[in-house]
Amino acid sequence: MTQLRQSLTLFDMTMIAIGATIGSGIFLTPSIAAQALPSPALMLAVWFVGMTSVQKPAQAWAGLLFLGLGVPVSLFWRRRSSR
């Protein structure tokens, strides 16, 4: 059985640090917001407004990536409209 090297490169350490930063933000920020809001319904409303405000820019970036990567957008729309 082969042994794995026990070493981390600068890239590995950078990715671990970025993942820890993003991961802690994803799990800590909602709990802080939930403590500040008086009711669960208001928390869900804030979450819904936040998600819908992020959706359109994300769709725009996805469209630009389709164009930039050379994916035939006409085929994508044709498939989507036939549903």
N, C-alpha and C. Protein backbone atom coordinates (compact mmCIF):
# COMPACT_ATOMS: atom_id res chain seq x y z
N MET A 1 0.83 -1.18 0.00
CA MET A 1 0.00 0.00 0.00
C MET A 1 0.88 1.25 0.00
N THR A 2 0.54 2.22 -0.82
CA THR A 2 1.36 3.42 -0.92
C THR A 2 0.98 4.42 0.17
N GLN A 3 1.95 5.18 0.58
CA GLN A 3 1.73 6.22 1.59
C GLN A 3 1.51 7.57 0.92
N LEU A 4 0.59 8.34 1.44
CA LEU A 4 0.36 9.69 0.95
C LEU A 4 1.35 10.64 1.61
N ARG A 5 1.78 11.63 0.86
CA ARG A 5 2.67 12.65 1.42
C ARG A 5 1.89 13.52 2.39
N GLN A 6 2.47 13.84 3.50
CA GLN A 6 1.83 14.71 4.47
C GLN A 6 2.38 16.12 4.32
N SER A 7 1.87 16.83 3.32
CA SER A 7 2.33 18.19 3.09
C SER A 7 1.20 19.02 2.50
N LEU A 8 1.21 20.28 2.82
CA LEU A 8 0.25 21.22 2.26
C LEU A 8 1.00 22.32 1.54
N THR A 9 0.52 22.64 0.36
CA THR A 9 1.12 23.73 -0.40
C THR A 9 0.44 25.04 -0.01
N LEU A 10 0.98 26.13 -0.51
CA LEU A 10 0.37 27.44 -0.26
C LEU A 10 -1.05 27.48 -0.82
N PHE A 11 -1.26 26.87 -1.97
CA PHE A 11 -2.60 26.82 -2.57
C PHE A 11 -3.56 26.05 -1.66
N ASP A 12 -3.12 24.91 -1.13
CA ASP A 12 -3.96 24.12 -0.22
C ASP A 12 -4.37 24.92 1.01
N MET A 13 -3.41 25.59 1.61
CA MET A 13 -3.69 26.37 2.81
C MET A 13 -4.61 27.55 2.51
N THR A 14 -4.44 28.16 1.34
CA THR A 14 -5.31 29.26 0.94
C THR A 14 -6.74 28.78 0.76
N MET A 15 -6.91 27.65 0.12
CA MET A 15 -8.26 27.12 -0.10
C MET A 15 -8.93 26.72 1.22
N ILE A 16 -8.17 26.20 2.16
CA ILE A 16 -8.71 25.85 3.47
C ILE A 16 -9.16 27.12 4.19
N ALA A 17 -8.35 28.17 4.13
CA ALA A 17 -8.70 29.43 4.80
C ALA A 17 -9.94 30.06 4.17
N ILE A 18 -10.03 30.06 2.84
CA ILE A 18 -11.20 30.62 2.17
C ILE A 18 -12.44 29.80 2.49
N GLY A 19 -12.33 28.49 2.48
CA GLY A 19 -13.46 27.63 2.82
C GLY A 19 -13.95 27.84 4.24
N ALA A 20 -13.02 28.00 5.18
CA ALA A 20 -13.40 28.24 6.56
C ALA A 20 -14.09 29.59 6.73
N THR A 21 -13.61 30.59 6.02
CA THR A 21 -14.21 31.92 6.10
C THR A 21 -15.62 31.92 5.54
N ILE A 22 -15.80 31.33 4.37
CA ILE A 22 -17.12 31.27 3.75
C ILE A 22 -18.05 30.39 4.57
N GLY A 23 -17.56 29.26 5.02
CA GLY A 23 -18.38 28.33 5.80
C GLY A 23 -18.86 28.94 7.10
N SER A 24 -17.99 29.64 7.80
CA SER A 24 -18.42 30.26 9.06
C SER A 24 -19.42 31.37 8.80
N GLY A 25 -19.27 32.09 7.71
CA GLY A 25 -20.23 33.15 7.37
C GLY A 25 -21.60 32.59 7.03
N ILE A 26 -21.63 31.45 6.35
CA ILE A 26 -22.90 30.85 5.96
C ILE A 26 -23.68 30.40 7.19
N PHE A 27 -23.00 29.89 8.20
CA PHE A 27 -23.70 29.33 9.35
C PHE A 27 -23.87 30.33 10.50
N LEU A 28 -23.00 31.32 10.62
CA LEU A 28 -23.11 32.26 11.73
C LEU A 28 -24.03 33.43 11.42
N THR A 29 -24.00 33.96 10.22
CA THR A 29 -24.80 35.14 9.89
C THR A 29 -26.29 34.90 10.04
N PRO A 30 -26.87 33.80 9.56
CA PRO A 30 -28.31 33.60 9.77
C PRO A 30 -28.71 33.50 11.24
N SER A 31 -27.85 32.91 12.06
CA SER A 31 -28.21 32.81 13.48
C SER A 31 -28.21 34.18 14.15
N ILE A 32 -27.29 35.04 13.75
CA ILE A 32 -27.26 36.40 14.30
C ILE A 32 -28.50 37.17 13.85
N ALA A 33 -28.87 37.02 12.58
CA ALA A 33 -30.07 37.68 12.09
C ALA A 33 -31.32 37.14 12.76
N ALA A 34 -31.38 35.85 13.00
CA ALA A 34 -32.55 35.25 13.65
C ALA A 34 -32.70 35.75 15.09
N GLN A 35 -31.60 35.98 15.77
CA GLN A 35 -31.67 36.50 17.14
C GLN A 35 -32.16 37.94 17.16
N ALA A 36 -31.86 38.70 16.10
CA ALA A 36 -32.23 40.11 16.07
C ALA A 36 -33.68 40.33 15.65
N LEU A 37 -34.28 39.37 14.98
CA LEU A 37 -35.66 39.54 14.51
C LEU A 37 -36.64 38.95 15.51
N PRO A 38 -37.81 39.59 15.67
CA PRO A 38 -38.73 39.15 16.72
C PRO A 38 -39.54 37.89 16.41
N SER A 39 -39.71 37.54 15.14
CA SER A 39 -40.57 36.38 14.85
C SER A 39 -39.97 35.52 13.74
N PRO A 40 -40.29 34.23 13.75
CA PRO A 40 -39.82 33.35 12.68
C PRO A 40 -40.36 33.75 11.30
N ALA A 41 -41.58 34.26 11.25
CA ALA A 41 -42.15 34.68 9.97
C ALA A 41 -41.35 35.82 9.36
N LEU A 42 -40.91 36.75 10.21
CA LEU A 42 -40.10 37.87 9.71
C LEU A 42 -38.74 37.37 9.23
N MET A 43 -38.18 36.38 9.91
CA MET A 43 -36.91 35.80 9.48
C MET A 43 -37.06 35.15 8.10
N LEU A 44 -38.14 34.42 7.89
CA LEU A 44 -38.38 33.80 6.59
C LEU A 44 -38.60 34.86 5.51
N ALA A 45 -39.27 35.96 5.86
CA ALA A 45 -39.49 37.03 4.89
C ALA A 45 -38.16 37.67 4.48
N VAL A 46 -37.30 37.92 5.46
CA VAL A 46 -35.98 38.50 5.17
C VAL A 46 -35.17 37.54 4.30
N TRP A 47 -35.23 36.26 4.62
CA TRP A 47 -34.51 35.26 3.83
C TRP A 47 -35.03 35.24 2.39
N PHE A 48 -36.34 35.26 2.22
CA PHE A 48 -36.94 35.22 0.89
C PHE A 48 -36.55 36.45 0.07
N VAL A 49 -36.59 37.62 0.66
CA VAL A 49 -36.21 38.85 -0.05
C VAL A 49 -34.73 38.79 -0.44
N GLY A 50 -33.90 38.30 0.46
CA GLY A 50 -32.47 38.18 0.15
C GLY A 50 -32.20 37.22 -0.99
N MET A 51 -32.86 36.08 -0.98
CA MET A 51 -32.64 35.08 -2.04
C MET A 51 -33.15 35.57 -3.39
N THR A 52 -34.30 36.23 -3.40
CA THR A 52 -34.83 36.71 -4.68
C THR A 52 -34.01 37.87 -5.22
N SER A 53 -33.38 38.66 -4.34
CA SER A 53 -32.55 39.76 -4.82
C SER A 53 -31.22 39.27 -5.38
N VAL A 54 -30.81 38.07 -5.00
CA VAL A 54 -29.56 37.50 -5.50
C VAL A 54 -29.80 36.69 -6.78
N GLN A 55 -31.01 36.25 -6.99
CA GLN A 55 -31.31 35.34 -8.10
C GLN A 55 -31.06 35.96 -9.47
N LYS A 56 -31.54 37.16 -9.71
CA LYS A 56 -31.40 37.77 -11.05
C LYS A 56 -29.94 38.03 -11.43
N PRO A 57 -29.11 38.61 -10.56
CA PRO A 57 -27.70 38.75 -10.95
C PRO A 57 -27.02 37.41 -11.21
N ALA A 58 -27.39 36.38 -10.44
CA ALA A 58 -26.80 35.06 -10.65
C ALA A 58 -27.19 34.51 -12.02
N GLN A 59 -28.44 34.73 -12.41
CA GLN A 59 -28.88 34.28 -13.73
C GLN A 59 -28.17 35.06 -14.84
N ALA A 60 -27.93 36.34 -14.62
CA ALA A 60 -27.21 37.14 -15.62
C ALA A 60 -25.78 36.64 -15.79
N TRP A 61 -25.10 36.35 -14.67
CA TRP A 61 -23.75 35.81 -14.76
C TRP A 61 -23.72 34.45 -15.44
N ALA A 62 -24.71 33.63 -15.16
CA ALA A 62 -24.77 32.32 -15.81
C ALA A 62 -24.94 32.48 -17.31
N GLY A 63 -25.75 33.44 -17.73
CA GLY A 63 -25.93 33.69 -19.16
C GLY A 63 -24.64 34.16 -19.80
N LEU A 64 -23.89 35.03 -19.11
CA LEU A 64 -22.61 35.49 -19.65
C LEU A 64 -21.61 34.35 -19.74
N LEU A 65 -21.64 33.44 -18.78
CA LEU A 65 -20.74 32.29 -18.85
C LEU A 65 -21.08 31.38 -20.02
N PHE A 66 -22.37 31.20 -20.28
CA PHE A 66 -22.77 30.41 -21.44
C PHE A 66 -22.19 31.02 -22.71
N LEU A 67 -22.30 32.35 -22.81
CA LEU A 67 -21.78 33.01 -24.01
C LEU A 67 -20.26 32.93 -24.07
N GLY A 68 -19.60 33.14 -22.93
CA GLY A 68 -18.15 33.15 -22.90
C GLY A 68 -17.53 31.79 -23.15
N LEU A 69 -18.22 30.71 -22.77
CA LEU A 69 -17.66 29.38 -22.94
C LEU A 69 -18.01 28.77 -24.29
N GLY A 70 -18.77 29.49 -25.11
CA GLY A 70 -19.08 29.00 -26.44
C GLY A 70 -20.22 28.01 -26.48
N VAL A 71 -21.02 27.95 -25.45
CA VAL A 71 -22.17 27.05 -25.46
C VAL A 71 -23.24 27.68 -26.36
N PRO A 72 -23.77 26.92 -27.28
CA PRO A 72 -24.81 27.50 -28.15
C PRO A 72 -26.07 27.84 -27.35
N VAL A 73 -26.25 29.13 -27.10
CA VAL A 73 -27.36 29.59 -26.28
C VAL A 73 -28.68 29.29 -26.97
N SER A 74 -28.70 29.31 -28.30
CA SER A 74 -29.95 29.05 -29.01
C SER A 74 -30.45 27.63 -28.71
N LEU A 75 -29.53 26.67 -28.57
CA LEU A 75 -29.94 25.31 -28.23
C LEU A 75 -30.48 25.25 -26.81
N PHE A 76 -29.85 26.02 -25.91
CA PHE A 76 -30.29 26.05 -24.53
C PHE A 76 -31.72 26.60 -24.43
N TRP A 77 -31.97 27.71 -25.11
CA TRP A 77 -33.31 28.30 -25.05
C TRP A 77 -34.34 27.43 -25.75
N ARG A 78 -33.95 26.79 -26.83
CA ARG A 78 -34.88 25.93 -27.55
C ARG A 78 -35.31 24.76 -26.67
N ARG A 79 -34.34 24.15 -25.97
CA ARG A 79 -34.66 23.05 -25.08
C ARG A 79 -35.54 23.53 -23.93
N ARG A 80 -35.23 24.68 -23.40
CA ARG A 80 -35.95 25.19 -22.25
C ARG A 80 -37.39 25.57 -22.63
N SER A 81 -37.60 26.14 -23.79
CA SER A 81 -38.93 26.58 -24.18
C SER A 81 -39.83 25.42 -24.58
N SER A 82 -39.27 24.26 -24.84
CA SER A 82 -40.09 23.13 -25.27
C SER A 82 -40.73 22.40 -24.09
N ARG A 83 -40.40 22.81 -22.87
CA ARG A 83 -40.97 22.14 -21.68
C ARG A 83 -42.41 22.49 -21.48
